[in-house]
Amino acid sequence: MSEVKVWYMTEEERLAYIKKHPIVPTKRKKGDSFADIYSSGYESANRKRKAKR
């Protein structure tokens, strides 16, 4: 198992990082979170796995 490395940054570095990589909120319809859960290929991968058994 590999060792966990802790990375510390100063407050100035943190603020500069946030400014460079802002979190941009996206508008979504209510209940849209899991609307396309099976369109990503998850369902077909499951079928393939079951077929191998």
N, C-alpha and C. Protein backbone atom coordinates (compact mmCIF):
# COMPACT_ATOMS: atom_id res chain seq x y z
N MET A 1 0.85 -1.16 0.00
CA MET A 1 0.00 0.00 0.00
C MET A 1 0.90 1.24 0.00
N SER A 2 0.49 2.26 -0.73
CA SER A 2 1.33 3.46 -0.82
C SER A 2 1.07 4.41 0.35
N GLU A 3 2.01 5.28 0.55
CA GLU A 3 1.93 6.24 1.65
C GLU A 3 1.08 7.44 1.25
N VAL A 4 0.31 7.95 2.18
CA VAL A 4 -0.53 9.12 1.93
C VAL A 4 0.33 10.38 2.09
N LYS A 5 0.26 11.25 1.09
CA LYS A 5 1.03 12.49 1.15
C LYS A 5 0.08 13.64 1.41
N VAL A 6 0.42 14.47 2.39
CA VAL A 6 -0.41 15.61 2.75
C VAL A 6 0.20 16.84 2.09
N TRP A 7 -0.65 17.63 1.44
CA TRP A 7 -0.19 18.81 0.75
C TRP A 7 -0.83 20.02 1.41
N TYR A 8 0.00 20.89 1.94
CA TYR A 8 -0.49 22.09 2.60
C TYR A 8 -0.30 23.28 1.67
N MET A 9 -1.27 24.20 1.70
CA MET A 9 -1.10 25.43 0.94
C MET A 9 -1.47 26.61 1.82
N THR A 10 -0.80 27.72 1.55
CA THR A 10 -1.08 28.91 2.33
C THR A 10 -2.43 29.48 1.91
N GLU A 11 -2.93 30.41 2.69
CA GLU A 11 -4.22 31.04 2.38
C GLU A 11 -4.15 31.77 1.04
N GLU A 12 -3.02 32.41 0.75
CA GLU A 12 -2.85 33.12 -0.52
C GLU A 12 -2.87 32.14 -1.70
N GLU A 13 -2.19 31.00 -1.54
CA GLU A 13 -2.18 29.98 -2.60
C GLU A 13 -3.58 29.41 -2.82
N ARG A 14 -4.29 29.20 -1.71
CA ARG A 14 -5.65 28.67 -1.80
C ARG A 14 -6.57 29.63 -2.54
N LEU A 15 -6.50 30.91 -2.20
CA LEU A 15 -7.33 31.91 -2.86
C LEU A 15 -6.97 32.05 -4.34
N ALA A 16 -5.68 31.96 -4.66
CA ALA A 16 -5.24 32.03 -6.06
C ALA A 16 -5.76 30.81 -6.83
N TYR A 17 -5.74 29.64 -6.20
CA TYR A 17 -6.24 28.42 -6.85
C TYR A 17 -7.74 28.54 -7.12
N ILE A 18 -8.49 29.03 -6.13
CA ILE A 18 -9.93 29.19 -6.29
C ILE A 18 -10.23 30.20 -7.39
N LYS A 19 -9.44 31.27 -7.46
CA LYS A 19 -9.65 32.27 -8.50
C LYS A 19 -9.37 31.69 -9.88
N LYS A 20 -8.36 30.84 -9.98
CA LYS A 20 -7.99 30.24 -11.27
C LYS A 20 -8.96 29.13 -11.67
N HIS A 21 -9.47 28.39 -10.69
CA HIS A 21 -10.37 27.26 -10.93
C HIS A 21 -11.68 27.46 -10.18
N PRO A 22 -12.52 28.39 -10.61
CA PRO A 22 -13.76 28.66 -9.87
C PRO A 22 -14.77 27.53 -10.03
N ILE A 23 -15.62 27.38 -9.05
CA ILE A 23 -16.72 26.42 -9.11
C ILE A 23 -17.87 27.13 -9.81
N VAL A 24 -18.25 26.63 -10.97
CA VAL A 24 -19.30 27.26 -11.76
C VAL A 24 -20.58 26.46 -11.57
N PRO A 25 -21.58 27.04 -10.93
CA PRO A 25 -22.84 26.31 -10.73
C PRO A 25 -23.57 26.13 -12.06
N THR A 26 -24.22 25.00 -12.20
CA THR A 26 -24.99 24.72 -13.41
C THR A 26 -26.46 24.63 -13.06
N LYS A 27 -27.30 25.05 -13.96
CA LYS A 27 -28.74 24.98 -13.75
C LYS A 27 -29.23 23.61 -14.18
N ARG A 28 -29.97 22.95 -13.33
CA ARG A 28 -30.55 21.65 -13.64
C ARG A 28 -32.00 21.66 -13.19
N LYS A 29 -32.79 20.86 -13.86
CA LYS A 29 -34.18 20.71 -13.45
C LYS A 29 -34.23 19.86 -12.19
N LYS A 30 -35.23 20.08 -11.39
CA LYS A 30 -35.39 19.29 -10.19
C LYS A 30 -35.64 17.83 -10.56
N GLY A 31 -34.94 16.92 -9.92
CA GLY A 31 -35.09 15.50 -10.20
C GLY A 31 -34.27 15.05 -11.38
N ASP A 32 -33.36 15.87 -11.87
CA ASP A 32 -32.56 15.57 -13.04
C ASP A 32 -31.28 14.81 -12.69
N SER A 33 -30.98 14.64 -11.43
CA SER A 33 -29.71 14.05 -11.01
C SER A 33 -29.48 12.66 -11.55
N PHE A 34 -30.47 11.80 -11.51
CA PHE A 34 -30.31 10.42 -11.93
C PHE A 34 -31.09 10.11 -13.20
N ALA A 35 -31.45 11.13 -13.94
CA ALA A 35 -32.28 10.94 -15.13
C ALA A 35 -31.57 10.11 -16.20
N ASP A 36 -30.26 10.28 -16.34
CA ASP A 36 -29.55 9.57 -17.40
C ASP A 36 -28.52 8.58 -16.85
N ILE A 37 -28.85 7.94 -15.74
CA ILE A 37 -27.90 7.04 -15.09
C ILE A 37 -27.57 5.82 -15.97
N TYR A 38 -28.52 5.38 -16.80
CA TYR A 38 -28.27 4.20 -17.61
C TYR A 38 -27.80 4.54 -19.02
N SER A 39 -27.76 5.81 -19.37
CA SER A 39 -27.32 6.17 -20.71
C SER A 39 -25.80 6.16 -20.84
N SER A 40 -25.10 6.03 -19.75
CA SER A 40 -23.64 6.08 -19.79
C SER A 40 -23.02 4.72 -20.10
N GLY A 41 -23.82 3.71 -20.37
CA GLY A 41 -23.28 2.40 -20.68
C GLY A 41 -23.25 1.47 -19.49
N TYR A 42 -23.70 1.94 -18.35
CA TYR A 42 -23.70 1.12 -17.14
C TYR A 42 -24.55 -0.13 -17.32
N GLU A 43 -25.71 0.05 -17.92
CA GLU A 43 -26.63 -1.07 -18.08
C GLU A 43 -26.05 -2.14 -19.01
N SER A 44 -25.46 -1.73 -20.11
CA SER A 44 -24.89 -2.71 -21.04
C SER A 44 -23.69 -3.42 -20.43
N ALA A 45 -22.92 -2.71 -19.62
CA ALA A 45 -21.78 -3.34 -18.96
C ALA A 45 -22.27 -4.39 -17.98
N ASN A 46 -23.37 -4.11 -17.30
CA ASN A 46 -23.94 -5.08 -16.36
C ASN A 46 -24.40 -6.33 -17.10
N ARG A 47 -25.05 -6.14 -18.25
CA ARG A 47 -25.52 -7.29 -19.04
C ARG A 47 -24.35 -8.15 -19.50
N LYS A 48 -23.29 -7.52 -19.92
CA LYS A 48 -22.10 -8.25 -20.37
C LYS A 48 -21.50 -9.05 -19.22
N ARG A 49 -21.45 -8.44 -18.06
CA ARG A 49 -20.89 -9.12 -16.88
C ARG A 49 -21.74 -10.33 -16.52
N LYS A 50 -23.07 -10.17 -16.57
CA LYS A 50 -23.96 -11.28 -16.22
C LYS A 50 -23.87 -12.39 -17.25
N ALA A 51 -23.65 -12.03 -18.50
CA ALA A 51 -23.58 -13.03 -19.57
C ALA A 51 -22.34 -13.91 -19.42
N LYS A 52 -21.28 -13.38 -18.85
CA LYS A 52 -20.04 -14.13 -18.66
C LYS A 52 -20.18 -15.21 -17.60
N ARG A 53 -21.10 -15.03 -16.68
CA ARG A 53 -21.24 -15.97 -15.55
C ARG A 53 -21.76 -17.30 -15.96
